[in-house]
C-alpha atoms as a PDB file:
ATOM      1  CA  MET A   1      23.219   9.116  12.747  1.00  0.00           C
ATOM      2  CA  LEU A   2      21.843  11.494  10.135  1.00  0.00           C
ATOM      3  CA  GLU A   3      20.048  14.578  11.381  1.00  0.00           C
ATOM      4  CA  PHE A   4      17.767  16.901   9.406  1.00  0.00           C
ATOM      5  CA  ASN A   5      16.262  20.234  10.458  1.00  0.00           C
ATOM      6  CA  VAL A   6      12.949  21.345   8.996  1.00  0.00           C
ATOM      7  CA  TYR A   7      10.836  24.332   9.952  1.00  0.00           C
ATOM      8  CA  HIS A   8       7.185  24.036  10.891  1.00  0.00           C
ATOM      9  CA  GLY A   9       5.005  25.631   8.239  1.00  0.00           C
ATOM     10  CA  ARG A  10       7.809  25.857   5.658  1.00  0.00           C
ATOM     11  CA  ALA A  11       8.470  23.924   2.471  1.00  0.00           C
ATOM     12  CA  ASN A  12      11.480  21.935   3.665  1.00  0.00           C
ATOM     13  CA  THR A  13      12.269  18.457   2.436  1.00  0.00           C
ATOM     14  CA  VAL A  14      14.367  15.618   3.739  1.00  0.00           C
ATOM     15  CA  ASP A  15      16.376  14.055   0.905  1.00  0.00           C
ATOM     16  CA  LEU A  16      17.358  10.487   1.698  1.00  0.00           C
ATOM     17  CA  VAL A  17      20.187   9.066  -0.403  1.00  0.00           C
ATOM     18  CA  LEU A  18      20.490   5.345   0.231  1.00  0.00           C
ATOM     19  CA  TYR A  19      23.933   3.762   0.478  1.00  0.00           C
ATOM     20  CA  ASP A  20      25.142   0.204  -0.036  1.00  0.00           C
ATOM     21  CA  ASN A  21      28.683  -0.794   1.005  1.00  0.00           C
ATOM     22  CA  GLY A  22      29.639   2.860   1.500  1.00  0.00           C
ATOM     23  CA  ALA A  23      28.530   4.066  -1.935  1.00  0.00           C
ATOM     24  CA  PRO A  24      25.245   5.735  -2.872  1.00  0.00           C
ATOM     25  CA  LEU A  25      22.834   3.505  -4.731  1.00  0.00           C
ATOM     26  CA  PRO A  26      23.091   4.623  -8.349  1.00  0.00           C
ATOM     27  CA  ASN A  27      19.422   4.088  -9.034  1.00  0.00           C
ATOM     28  CA  HIS A  28      16.409   4.155  -6.715  1.00  0.00           C
ATOM     29  CA  THR A  29      13.844   3.359  -9.423  1.00  0.00           C
ATOM     30  CA  ALA A  30      13.271  -0.229  -8.212  1.00  0.00           C
ATOM     31  CA  ILE A  31      11.730   1.167  -5.007  1.00  0.00           C
ATOM     32  CA  THR A  32       7.953   0.992  -5.386  1.00  0.00           C
ATOM     33  CA  ARG A  33       6.908   2.073  -1.908  1.00  0.00           C
ATOM     34  CA  ALA A  34       8.451   3.719   1.144  1.00  0.00           C
ATOM     35  CA  GLN A  35       7.326   4.225   4.715  1.00  0.00           C
ATOM     36  CA  ILE A  36       8.849   6.623   7.207  1.00  0.00           C
ATOM     37  CA  TYR A  37       8.252   5.853  10.862  1.00  0.00           C
ATOM     38  CA  MET A  38       8.446   9.154  12.719  1.00  0.00           C
ATOM     39  CA  GLY A  39       7.813   8.614  16.394  1.00  0.00           C
ATOM     40  CA  SER A  40       4.500   6.748  16.630  1.00  0.00           C
ATOM     41  CA  THR A  41       3.304   7.919  13.192  1.00  0.00           C
ATOM     42  CA  VAL A  42       3.864   6.143   9.887  1.00  0.00           C
ATOM     43  CA  TYR A  43       3.955   8.092   6.616  1.00  0.00           C
ATOM     44  CA  ASP A  44       3.382   5.839   3.608  1.00  0.00           C
ATOM     45  CA  SER A  45       3.978   6.692  -0.051  1.00  0.00           C
ATOM     46  CA  ASP A  46       1.035   4.425  -0.974  1.00  0.00           C
ATOM     47  CA  ASP A  47      -1.372   6.400   1.225  1.00  0.00           C
ATOM     48  CA  VAL A  48      -0.119   9.944   0.545  1.00  0.00           C
ATOM     49  CA  PRO A  49       2.200  10.028  -2.489  1.00  0.00           C
ATOM     50  CA  SER A  50       2.797  13.773  -2.080  1.00  0.00           C
ATOM     51  CA  ILE A  51       4.566  13.233   1.255  1.00  0.00           C
ATOM     52  CA  ILE A  52       7.151  10.711  -0.024  1.00  0.00           C
ATOM     53  CA  ASP A  53       8.378  11.300  -3.562  1.00  0.00           C
ATOM     54  CA  LEU A  54       9.799   8.206  -5.269  1.00  0.00           C
ATOM     55  CA  THR A  55      10.169   9.774  -8.721  1.00  0.00           C
ATOM     56  CA  ASN A  56      13.834  10.788  -8.305  1.00  0.00           C
ATOM     57  CA  THR A  57      16.350   8.194  -9.447  1.00  0.00           C
ATOM     58  CA  ASP A  58      18.982   9.148  -6.873  1.00  0.00           C
ATOM     59  CA  ARG A  59      17.045   9.792  -3.649  1.00  0.00           C
ATOM     60  CA  ILE A  60      13.792   9.517  -1.730  1.00  0.00           C
ATOM     61  CA  VAL A  61      12.284  12.888  -0.846  1.00  0.00           C
ATOM     62  CA  PHE A  62      10.181  13.231   2.305  1.00  0.00           C
ATOM     63  CA  ASP A  63       8.150  16.444   2.569  1.00  0.00           C
ATOM     64  CA  PRO A  64       6.935  16.934   6.161  1.00  0.00           C
ATOM     65  CA  ALA A  65       4.988  20.059   5.122  1.00  0.00           C
ATOM     66  CA  GLU A  66       2.544  17.742   3.309  1.00  0.00           C
ATOM     67  CA  ALA A  67       1.536  15.979   6.538  1.00  0.00           C
ATOM     68  CA  ASP A  68      -2.076  16.365   7.615  1.00  0.00           C
ATOM     69  CA  PRO A  69      -2.406  17.022  10.471  1.00  0.00           C
ATOM     70  CA  ALA A  70       0.786  19.056  10.662  1.00  0.00           C
ATOM     71  CA  ILE A  71       3.747  17.458  12.403  1.00  0.00           C
ATOM     72  CA  ALA A  72       4.282  18.941  15.857  1.00  0.00           C
ATOM     73  CA  VAL A  73       7.453  20.814  16.709  1.00  0.00           C
ATOM     74  CA  ALA A  74       9.725  18.161  18.268  1.00  0.00           C
ATOM     75  CA  LYS A  75      12.710  15.918  17.646  1.00  0.00           C
ATOM     76  CA  TYR A  76      11.845  12.562  16.062  1.00  0.00           C
ATOM     77  CA  ARG A  77      13.912   9.401  15.660  1.00  0.00           C
ATOM     78  CA  CYS A  78      12.963   7.894  12.327  1.00  0.00           C
ATOM     79  CA  LYS A  79      13.190   4.637  10.418  1.00  0.00           C
ATOM     80  CA  LEU A  80      12.772   4.058   6.695  1.00  0.00           C
ATOM     81  CA  VAL A  81      11.203   0.942   5.176  1.00  0.00           C
ATOM     82  CA  VAL A  82      11.522   0.424   1.424  1.00  0.00           C
ATOM     83  CA  TYR A  83       9.730  -2.008  -0.867  1.00  0.00           C
ATOM     84  CA  ASP A  84      10.423  -3.333  -4.336  1.00  0.00           C
ATOM     85  CA  LEU A  85       8.836  -6.043  -6.423  1.00  0.00           C
ATOM     86  CA  LEU A  86      11.757  -8.491  -6.404  1.00  0.00           C
ATOM     87  CA  ASP A  87      13.829  -8.589  -3.229  1.00  0.00           C
ATOM     88  CA  TYR A  88      11.781  -6.625  -0.702  1.00  0.00           C
ATOM     89  CA  ALA A  89       8.124  -7.246  -1.433  1.00  0.00           C
ATOM     90  CA  GLN A  90       7.518  -7.486   2.330  1.00  0.00           C
ATOM     91  CA  GLY A  91       9.610  -4.389   3.037  1.00  0.00           C
ATOM     92  CA  TYR A  92      13.206  -3.847   4.090  1.00  0.00           C
ATOM     93  CA  VAL A  93      14.003  -1.777   7.168  1.00  0.00           C
ATOM     94  CA  TRP A  94      16.879   0.417   6.059  1.00  0.00           C
ATOM     95  CA  PRO A  95      19.665  -0.074   8.635  1.00  0.00           C
ATOM     96  CA  VAL A  96      20.347   3.643   9.179  1.00  0.00           C
ATOM     97  CA  GLU A  97      18.221   5.550  11.670  1.00  0.00           C
ATOM     98  CA  PHE A  98      17.899   9.281  11.257  1.00  0.00           C
ATOM     99  CA  THR A  99      16.528  12.202  13.217  1.00  0.00           C
ATOM    100  CA  ILE A 100      14.207  14.920  11.995  1.00  0.00           C
ATOM    101  CA  ASN A 101      14.054  18.074  14.091  1.00  0.00           C
ATOM    102  CA  VAL A 102      10.836  19.956  13.391  1.00  0.00           C
ATOM    103  CA  LEU A 103      11.629  23.491  14.509  1.00  0.00           C
ATOM    104  CA  PRO A 104       9.231  26.375  15.114  1.00  0.00           C
ATOM    105  CA  GLU A 105       8.663  28.721  12.217  1.00  0.00           C
ATOM    106  CA  PRO A 106      11.392  31.344  12.307  1.00  0.00           C
ATOM    107  CA  GLY A 107      10.264  34.816  13.234  1.00  0.00           C
ATOM    108  CA  PRO A 108      11.793  38.240  13.662  1.00  0.00           C
ATOM    109  CA  THR A 109      14.896  38.398  15.788  1.00  0.00           C
END
């Protein structure tokens, strides 16, 4: 399972490179929409495009710092659903779960 650490209040992103048969997809441009299920909350690129960036050809970029309200410090099991106009108009649940650890903002040690 993939695991990402992000810090509360910081500009961290989660870069999701999608794989097919063990190789990264060479082009993500067919993806027209993405949803990230993070605990009981769904983040949707159609609702808030700034939170899920689909403009990169080689990855999907999720920016938790763009969430409003802010995402609470916790560990979240996540699922990704992607859409395209041809094969996955109803959405495809990507078969790899991942974890996002939202950590407290680092302070002086």
